[in-house]
Amino acid sequence: MDTRTGDPRSPRPARLLPALVMASTLIGACTSEPSSPDGSPLPLHSVAEIALPGDNSRFDYESLDPERGLLFIAHLGASEIIEVDVHTRQVVRTIPNLSQAHGVLVVPELRRVYVTATGDNRLVILDEDTAAVIGQAPTGDYPDGIAYDPKRGVVWTTNESGGSETVIDAATAQVRGTVDLGDDVGNVAYDPVADQILVAVQSRDDLAAIDPGTLTVTRRIPLPGCRHDHGLALDPQARLAFVACDDNATLLTVDLTNWQTAGTVGVGTRPDVLAYDQGAQRLYVAAESGTVSVFDQQGGHLTAVGSGHLADGAHVVAVDQNTHHTYYPVPTGADGHPALLERAPIP
């Protein structure tokens, strides 16, 4: 999810994968993960390891339709999306020919899946039921993360090296506008309470707030102690933003009421994807190092529950808001092939 020259996370060349691998292997349900350096165990136990098709190239974002149990995983190195039914723990299909499939977002109420094809600088719209391509739109340079604004029916794509956001009609794939943020940008999120878009502007180490109606930047929030903010997740009800700084392994909590940093904690090396379990008020931070850090939010503050090395390449996480299980696609599972690791919180 980073394009800096020489960065170890740079995607491998895209190539098509072999046919689907459908088998899944259940793992002992009470096995704890290794402990972090400070001795705090990762508060998760193994539920399943689901075999994924193809080679060991890089995975990226994933997005879950919790009611249907359909998880869409961007296999960036293979330029495709892998669809998994997490209820049956089976691969449904692969969706090929998506050049460097990077960001992915399913919008269940629309029955559509949105994919940033970084290799082509475009957004691709898929039918969730059939996987057919039903729309495409141009973006800026190196589209990465995606957010959906349901009030206006638009999708926002972060153009990482382009330093901008492209706003695209979710139904017609027409470009509605572009917001220039002036420098490399990280992830994007829609805040439904304040009706605003928030973007991590990683080269400026700040958080930009955007009015989605006028497409103008209304505020820039400095992030002291942060180097290269990339990952972003929200707790809209608690008025909190969680920002991961990948150059100094730091996680910041930003109070969206007073626009001040409310807390700073350390996480695994090169934190990448964040997932927030709204019902459990629990935050998961997956890092390029393979370390996953878990925090509970209470009263506007995060408490570390534990962290540990989950698996090499476990830099992506999605959470099921119904079951509270988390999912981590990794290039190499127990048998040496790519796998989706399913974990449940330890009570």
Protein backbone atom coordinates (compact mmCIF):
# COMPACT_ATOMS: atom_id res chain seq x y z
CA MET A 1 0.00 0.00 0.00
CA ASP A 2 3.06 2.24 -0.27
CA THR A 3 4.86 3.32 -3.41
CA ARG A 4 8.07 4.79 -2.02
CA THR A 5 11.17 3.66 -3.90
CA GLY A 6 12.81 0.70 -2.26
CA ASP A 7 9.97 0.09 0.17
CA PRO A 8 9.79 -3.64 1.06
CA ARG A 9 6.03 -3.50 0.61
CA SER A 10 6.16 -2.68 -3.10
CA PRO A 11 3.85 -5.03 -5.01
CA ARG A 12 5.27 -7.92 -6.99
CA PRO A 13 4.56 -8.17 -10.73
CA ALA A 14 1.00 -9.17 -11.46
CA ARG A 15 0.25 -12.53 -13.07
CA LEU A 16 -2.76 -14.79 -13.35
CA LEU A 17 -3.30 -17.59 -10.82
CA PRO A 18 -4.03 -21.29 -11.34
CA ALA A 19 -7.50 -22.69 -10.74
CA LEU A 20 -9.28 -22.42 -7.40
CA VAL A 21 -8.21 -24.35 -4.37
CA MET A 22 -11.35 -25.18 -2.45
CA ALA A 23 -10.15 -27.12 0.58
CA SER A 24 -10.09 -25.64 4.04
CA THR A 25 -8.37 -26.91 7.16
CA LEU A 26 -9.71 -26.32 10.64
CA ILE A 27 -7.16 -25.58 13.33
CA GLY A 28 -7.37 -26.27 17.04
CA ALA A 29 -9.84 -23.75 18.46
CA CYS A 30 -7.96 -23.03 21.67
CA THR A 31 -4.46 -22.35 20.33
CA SER A 32 -3.11 -18.96 21.40
CA GLU A 33 -0.76 -16.98 19.19
CA PRO A 34 2.81 -16.11 20.20
CA SER A 35 3.40 -13.36 22.71
CA SER A 36 4.62 -9.87 21.94
CA PRO A 37 8.04 -8.71 23.16
CA ASP A 38 6.48 -7.22 26.30
CA GLY A 39 4.90 -10.57 27.16
CA SER A 40 1.28 -9.68 26.37
CA PRO A 41 -0.27 -12.56 24.40
CA LEU A 42 -2.29 -11.96 21.29
CA PRO A 43 -5.87 -12.34 22.63
CA LEU A 44 -7.06 -14.53 19.75
CA HIS A 45 -7.50 -18.22 19.16
CA SER A 46 -7.42 -20.10 15.89
CA VAL A 47 -10.72 -21.02 14.29
CA ALA A 48 -9.75 -22.03 10.73
CA GLU A 49 -7.17 -21.79 8.01
CA ILE A 50 -8.88 -21.56 4.63
CA ALA A 51 -6.76 -22.45 1.61
CA LEU A 52 -6.65 -19.72 -1.03
CA PRO A 53 -5.89 -20.20 -4.72
CA GLY A 54 -2.73 -19.22 -6.48
CA ASP A 55 0.79 -18.18 -5.70
CA ASN A 56 2.47 -16.49 -2.75
CA SER A 57 2.35 -12.93 -4.10
CA ARG A 58 1.06 -10.00 -2.11
CA PHE A 59 -2.47 -9.62 -0.77
CA ASP A 60 -3.94 -6.24 0.06
CA TYR A 61 -7.27 -4.90 1.33
CA GLU A 62 -10.33 -7.05 2.00
CA SER A 63 -14.00 -6.22 2.60
CA LEU A 64 -16.82 -8.27 4.13
CA ASP A 65 -20.56 -8.43 3.51
CA PRO A 66 -21.42 -9.72 7.00
CA GLU A 67 -25.00 -10.79 6.35
CA ARG A 68 -24.20 -12.86 3.26
CA GLY A 69 -20.84 -13.91 4.69
CA LEU A 70 -18.96 -12.95 1.52
CA LEU A 71 -15.40 -11.73 1.93
CA PHE A 72 -13.66 -10.06 -1.02
CA ILE A 73 -9.85 -10.15 -0.89
CA ALA A 74 -7.60 -8.13 -3.18
CA HIS A 75 -4.77 -10.37 -4.43
CA LEU A 76 -2.67 -7.52 -5.73
CA GLY A 77 0.20 -9.67 -6.98
CA ALA A 78 -2.19 -11.73 -9.11
CA SER A 79 -4.39 -8.84 -10.29
CA GLU A 80 -7.57 -10.45 -9.05
CA ILE A 81 -10.17 -10.57 -6.30
CA ILE A 82 -10.73 -13.78 -4.34
CA GLU A 83 -14.27 -14.22 -3.00
CA VAL A 84 -14.66 -16.40 0.09
CA ASP A 85 -17.83 -17.56 1.83
CA VAL A 86 -16.84 -17.27 5.48
CA HIS A 87 -19.96 -19.17 6.58
CA THR A 88 -18.97 -22.31 4.67
CA ARG A 89 -15.24 -21.49 4.68
CA GLN A 90 -14.99 -22.11 0.96
CA VAL A 91 -13.60 -20.09 -1.93
CA VAL A 92 -16.52 -19.02 -4.12
CA ARG A 93 -14.52 -17.81 -7.13
CA THR A 94 -11.69 -15.65 -8.32
CA ILE A 95 -12.38 -12.51 -10.35
CA PRO A 96 -9.44 -11.96 -12.74
CA ASN A 97 -8.10 -9.21 -14.98
CA LEU A 98 -8.12 -6.43 -12.38
CA SER A 99 -4.72 -4.83 -12.89
CA GLN A 100 -2.98 -4.78 -9.50
CA ALA A 101 -6.27 -5.08 -7.58
CA HIS A 102 -5.50 -2.99 -4.53
CA GLY A 103 -8.42 -1.54 -2.60
CA VAL A 104 -11.73 -3.38 -2.37
CA LEU A 105 -15.03 -2.36 -0.79
CA VAL A 106 -18.34 -4.23 -0.84
CA VAL A 107 -21.48 -2.12 -0.37
CA PRO A 108 -24.13 -4.67 0.63
CA GLU A 109 -27.15 -2.41 0.13
CA LEU A 110 -26.12 -1.86 -3.49
CA ARG A 111 -24.98 -5.46 -4.10
CA ARG A 112 -21.83 -4.00 -5.63
CA VAL A 113 -18.11 -4.40 -5.08
CA TYR A 114 -15.69 -1.56 -5.82
CA VAL A 115 -12.06 -2.28 -6.70
CA THR A 116 -9.15 0.08 -7.29
CA ALA A 117 -7.13 -1.32 -10.20
CA THR A 118 -3.86 0.42 -9.45
CA GLY A 119 -2.12 -0.79 -12.60
CA ASP A 120 -4.71 0.98 -14.77
CA ASN A 121 -5.50 3.96 -12.50
CA ARG A 122 -9.19 3.13 -12.47
CA LEU A 123 -12.07 2.09 -10.27
CA VAL A 124 -13.89 -1.07 -11.35
CA ILE A 125 -17.46 -1.81 -10.24
CA LEU A 126 -18.51 -5.47 -9.91
CA ASP A 127 -21.92 -7.04 -9.45
CA GLU A 128 -21.76 -8.78 -6.06
CA ASP A 129 -24.00 -11.62 -7.25
CA THR A 130 -22.38 -12.43 -10.59
CA ALA A 131 -18.93 -10.79 -10.37
CA ALA A 132 -19.58 -9.16 -13.75
CA VAL A 133 -17.94 -5.81 -14.45
CA ILE A 134 -20.78 -3.28 -14.59
CA GLY A 135 -18.84 -0.02 -14.60
CA GLN A 136 -15.42 1.62 -14.67
CA ALA A 137 -14.08 5.09 -13.97
CA PRO A 138 -10.69 6.81 -14.20
CA THR A 139 -8.95 7.87 -11.00
CA GLY A 140 -5.79 9.74 -10.13
CA ASP A 141 -2.33 8.19 -9.89
CA TYR A 142 -2.05 4.95 -7.90
CA PRO A 143 -5.56 4.51 -6.45
CA ASP A 144 -5.45 2.73 -3.12
CA GLY A 145 -8.09 2.81 -0.36
CA ILE A 146 -11.84 3.32 -0.87
CA ALA A 147 -14.70 4.84 1.16
CA TYR A 148 -18.43 5.01 0.50
CA ASP A 149 -20.63 8.02 1.21
CA PRO A 150 -24.22 6.67 1.39
CA LYS A 151 -25.79 10.11 1.70
CA ARG A 152 -24.66 11.12 -1.77
CA GLY A 153 -24.23 7.68 -3.27
CA VAL A 154 -20.56 8.19 -4.14
CA VAL A 155 -17.30 6.32 -3.77
CA TRP A 156 -14.07 8.05 -2.79
CA THR A 157 -10.73 6.64 -3.98
CA THR A 158 -7.43 7.63 -2.46
CA ASN A 159 -4.89 8.34 -5.20
CA GLU A 160 -1.81 7.73 -3.09
CA SER A 161 1.04 9.09 -5.18
CA GLY A 162 -1.32 11.44 -7.02
CA GLY A 163 -2.07 13.28 -3.77
CA SER A 164 -5.80 13.46 -4.40
CA GLU A 165 -9.23 11.92 -3.91
CA THR A 166 -11.46 11.01 -6.85
CA VAL A 167 -15.21 11.12 -6.19
CA ILE A 168 -17.22 8.68 -8.33
CA ASP A 169 -20.96 8.07 -8.61
CA ALA A 170 -21.55 4.61 -7.13
CA ALA A 171 -24.36 3.82 -9.57
CA THR A 172 -23.28 5.36 -12.87
CA ALA A 173 -19.46 5.34 -12.49
CA GLN A 174 -19.37 9.01 -13.51
CA VAL A 175 -16.62 11.09 -11.93
CA ARG A 176 -18.20 13.77 -9.75
CA GLY A 177 -15.01 15.62 -8.85
CA THR A 178 -11.46 15.58 -7.51
CA VAL A 179 -10.05 16.91 -4.25
CA ASP A 180 -6.37 17.90 -4.37
CA LEU A 181 -4.64 17.30 -1.04
CA GLY A 182 -1.23 18.51 -2.15
CA ASP A 183 0.88 15.49 -1.28
CA ASP A 184 0.93 11.71 -0.92
CA VAL A 185 -2.22 10.46 0.78
CA GLY A 186 -3.08 7.42 2.86
CA ASN A 187 -6.45 5.95 3.69
CA VAL A 188 -9.89 7.56 3.53
CA ALA A 189 -13.04 7.16 5.65
CA TYR A 190 -16.55 8.61 5.74
CA ASP A 191 -17.73 10.00 9.08
CA PRO A 192 -21.54 9.66 9.08
CA VAL A 193 -22.07 11.60 12.30
CA ALA A 194 -20.41 14.81 11.12
CA ASP A 195 -21.08 14.07 7.43
CA GLN A 196 -17.46 14.53 6.43
CA ILE A 197 -14.63 12.70 4.72
CA LEU A 198 -11.37 12.15 6.58
CA VAL A 199 -8.09 11.44 4.80
CA ALA A 200 -4.65 10.61 6.18
CA VAL A 201 -2.21 12.85 4.31
CA GLN A 202 0.90 10.85 4.90
CA SER A 203 3.57 13.15 3.51
CA ARG A 204 2.29 16.05 5.65
CA ASP A 205 1.63 13.97 8.79
CA ASP A 206 -1.84 15.40 9.17
CA LEU A 207 -5.49 14.41 8.88
CA ALA A 208 -7.60 16.32 6.37
CA ALA A 209 -11.34 16.87 6.86
CA ILE A 210 -13.35 17.39 3.66
CA ASP A 211 -16.86 18.68 3.12
CA PRO A 212 -18.34 16.04 0.75
CA GLY A 213 -20.96 18.46 -0.49
CA THR A 214 -18.59 21.16 -1.69
CA LEU A 215 -15.49 18.94 -2.12
CA THR A 216 -13.37 21.39 -0.15
CA VAL A 217 -10.88 20.81 2.65
CA THR A 218 -12.35 22.36 5.79
CA ARG A 219 -9.65 21.52 8.30
CA ARG A 220 -6.19 19.98 8.64
CA ILE A 221 -5.37 18.32 11.92
CA PRO A 222 -1.64 18.03 12.79
CA LEU A 223 -0.55 14.64 14.11
CA PRO A 224 2.36 15.26 16.51
CA GLY A 225 4.52 12.19 17.03
CA CYS A 226 3.38 10.60 13.77
CA ARG A 227 5.60 9.84 10.80
CA HIS A 228 3.80 8.95 7.56
CA ASP A 229 0.17 8.38 8.61
CA HIS A 230 -1.39 5.77 6.37
CA GLY A 231 -3.92 3.50 8.09
CA LEU A 232 -7.23 4.97 9.26
CA ALA A 233 -10.33 3.72 11.08
CA LEU A 234 -13.17 5.51 12.87
CA ASP A 235 -15.48 5.08 15.84
CA PRO A 236 -18.05 7.64 14.71
CA GLN A 237 -20.28 7.31 17.78
CA ALA A 238 -17.38 7.92 20.17
CA ARG A 239 -16.09 10.71 17.86
CA LEU A 240 -12.68 9.09 17.48
CA ALA A 241 -10.28 8.52 14.59
CA PHE A 242 -7.50 5.95 14.82
CA VAL A 243 -4.45 6.74 12.69
CA ALA A 244 -1.54 4.37 12.06
CA CYS A 245 1.87 5.92 11.36
CA ASP A 246 3.92 3.42 9.42
CA ASP A 247 7.34 5.05 9.59
CA ASN A 248 7.53 4.98 13.39
CA ALA A 249 5.20 2.11 14.39
CA THR A 250 2.81 4.44 16.21
CA LEU A 251 -0.97 4.58 16.57
CA LEU A 252 -2.69 7.88 17.37
CA THR A 253 -6.20 8.40 18.69
CA VAL A 254 -7.70 11.69 17.50
CA ASP A 255 -10.68 13.26 19.27
CA LEU A 256 -12.97 14.47 16.49
CA THR A 257 -14.77 16.83 18.87
CA ASN A 258 -11.81 19.02 19.77
CA TRP A 259 -9.48 17.86 16.96
CA GLN A 260 -6.72 16.98 19.40
CA THR A 261 -4.62 13.85 19.78
CA ALA A 262 -6.08 11.91 22.70
CA GLY A 263 -3.50 9.14 22.90
CA THR A 264 -0.37 7.63 21.39
CA VAL A 265 0.69 3.97 21.58
CA GLY A 266 3.21 1.72 19.89
CA VAL A 267 2.25 -1.06 17.47
CA GLY A 268 4.03 -3.52 15.18
CA THR A 269 6.60 -2.37 12.65
CA ARG A 270 4.98 -0.66 9.63
CA PRO A 271 1.33 -0.72 10.68
CA ASP A 272 -0.93 -0.94 7.67
CA VAL A 273 -4.61 -1.96 7.81
CA LEU A 274 -6.90 -1.17 10.74
CA ALA A 275 -10.27 -2.78 11.50
CA TYR A 276 -12.66 -1.59 14.20
CA ASP A 277 -15.29 -3.82 15.80
CA GLN A 278 -17.98 -1.27 16.65
CA GLY A 279 -20.06 -3.55 18.88
CA ALA A 280 -17.11 -4.83 20.89
CA GLN A 281 -15.34 -1.45 20.77
CA ARG A 282 -12.16 -3.26 19.83
CA LEU A 283 -9.49 -2.10 17.37
CA TYR A 284 -7.20 -4.40 15.38
CA VAL A 285 -3.98 -3.09 13.84
CA ALA A 286 -2.20 -5.35 11.33
CA ALA A 287 1.42 -4.53 10.47
CA GLU A 288 3.72 -5.41 7.59
CA SER A 289 5.93 -7.19 10.12
CA GLY A 290 3.13 -9.71 10.69
CA THR A 291 2.38 -8.33 14.12
CA VAL A 292 -1.26 -7.78 15.09
CA SER A 293 -2.05 -5.41 17.97
CA VAL A 294 -5.41 -5.39 19.75
CA PHE A 295 -6.90 -2.52 21.76
CA ASP A 296 -10.16 -1.93 23.60
CA GLN A 297 -11.73 1.52 23.43
CA GLN A 298 -13.46 2.89 26.52
CA GLY A 299 -14.20 6.46 27.39
CA GLY A 300 -12.31 7.78 24.38
CA HIS A 301 -9.08 6.01 25.25
CA LEU A 302 -7.43 2.81 24.01
CA THR A 303 -6.20 0.06 26.33
CA ALA A 304 -3.76 -2.49 24.95
CA VAL A 305 -5.18 -6.00 25.19
CA GLY A 306 -2.22 -7.75 23.60
CA SER A 307 -0.15 -8.17 20.47
CA GLY A 308 1.98 -10.74 18.75
CA HIS A 309 3.34 -12.06 15.50
CA LEU A 310 0.43 -13.73 13.73
CA ALA A 311 2.10 -14.72 10.46
CA ASP A 312 4.52 -13.30 7.93
CA GLY A 313 2.63 -10.99 5.60
CA ALA A 314 -0.36 -10.60 7.94
CA HIS A 315 -0.73 -6.88 7.24
CA VAL A 316 -4.43 -6.99 6.30
CA VAL A 317 -7.38 -7.49 8.67
CA ALA A 318 -11.17 -7.44 8.40
CA VAL A 319 -13.64 -7.95 11.25
CA ASP A 320 -17.11 -9.51 11.18
CA GLN A 321 -19.32 -7.19 13.22
CA ASN A 322 -21.75 -10.08 13.90
CA THR A 323 -19.42 -12.85 15.03
CA HIS A 324 -16.47 -10.65 16.08
CA HIS A 325 -14.13 -12.98 14.16
CA THR A 326 -11.21 -11.46 12.27
CA TYR A 327 -9.72 -12.52 8.94
CA TYR A 328 -6.12 -12.26 7.73
CA PRO A 329 -5.07 -13.28 4.19
CA VAL A 330 -1.41 -14.35 4.15
CA PRO A 331 0.86 -15.41 1.28
CA THR A 332 2.04 -18.54 3.09
CA GLY A 333 -0.13 -20.71 5.32
CA ALA A 334 0.72 -23.86 7.24
CA ASP A 335 1.16 -25.92 4.06
CA GLY A 336 3.23 -23.31 2.26
CA HIS A 337 0.32 -22.08 0.13
CA PRO A 338 -1.66 -18.83 0.55
CA ALA A 339 -4.34 -18.96 3.21
CA LEU A 340 -7.01 -16.99 5.00
CA LEU A 341 -6.55 -17.14 8.76
CA GLU A 342 -9.74 -16.89 10.82
CA ARG A 343 -9.40 -15.90 14.47
CA ALA A 344 -11.84 -15.36 17.33
CA PRO A 345 -11.31 -13.25 20.45
CA ILE A 346 -10.43 -15.07 23.63
CA PRO A 347 -13.18 -14.28 26.17
